[in-house]
Amino acid sequence: MIAWIVFFAVWRGKEVDFQKFFIAALVLVALGFLLTFPTFFLLFEPKG
């Protein structure tokens, strides 16, 4: 909610290229989904 308020205040009256933000959002959602599987999140487990 706070992010919406901040973005509204920053971008009010400006033309914004939402295609970049849409692609970034899709990449982040895909990455988040991918990292829910043990096969992938165990790759980042500290060894030791």
Protein backbone atom coordinates (compact mmCIF):
# COMPACT_ATOMS: atom_id res chain seq x y z
CA MET A 1 0.00 0.00 0.00
CA ILE A 2 2.79 2.39 0.87
CA ALA A 3 4.51 1.63 -2.44
CA TRP A 4 1.35 2.60 -4.32
CA ILE A 5 1.21 5.93 -2.52
CA VAL A 6 4.88 6.60 -3.22
CA PHE A 7 4.60 5.63 -6.89
CA PHE A 8 1.49 7.75 -7.27
CA ALA A 9 3.25 10.76 -5.80
CA VAL A 10 6.37 10.26 -7.94
CA TRP A 11 4.66 9.44 -11.23
CA ARG A 12 1.62 11.70 -11.05
CA GLY A 13 1.32 13.61 -14.30
CA LYS A 14 4.22 11.77 -15.96
CA GLU A 15 4.20 9.34 -18.82
CA VAL A 16 5.66 6.02 -17.65
CA ASP A 17 6.72 3.07 -19.80
CA PHE A 18 4.84 0.31 -18.00
CA GLN A 19 6.14 -2.40 -20.33
CA LYS A 20 9.49 -2.34 -18.48
CA PHE A 21 7.76 -2.64 -15.11
CA PHE A 22 5.47 -5.39 -16.36
CA ILE A 23 8.41 -7.44 -17.64
CA ALA A 24 10.31 -6.87 -14.38
CA ALA A 25 7.24 -7.97 -12.40
CA LEU A 26 6.89 -11.14 -14.50
CA VAL A 27 10.57 -11.98 -14.01
CA LEU A 28 10.32 -11.47 -10.24
CA VAL A 29 7.15 -13.57 -9.98
CA ALA A 30 8.74 -16.35 -12.05
CA LEU A 31 11.89 -16.23 -9.93
CA GLY A 32 9.86 -16.34 -6.73
CA PHE A 33 7.87 -19.30 -8.01
CA LEU A 34 11.02 -21.11 -9.12
CA LEU A 35 12.68 -20.62 -5.74
CA THR A 36 9.79 -22.30 -3.92
CA PHE A 37 11.08 -25.67 -5.12
CA PRO A 38 13.80 -27.36 -3.02
CA THR A 39 15.85 -28.25 -6.10
CA PHE A 40 16.50 -24.58 -6.74
CA PHE A 41 16.62 -22.98 -3.30
CA LEU A 42 19.06 -25.64 -2.06
CA LEU A 43 21.52 -24.41 -4.70
CA PHE A 44 21.91 -21.26 -2.57
CA GLU A 45 22.35 -23.11 0.73
CA PRO A 46 25.61 -22.31 2.51
CA LYS A 47 27.99 -25.23 2.38
CA GLY A 48 29.60 -26.29 5.58
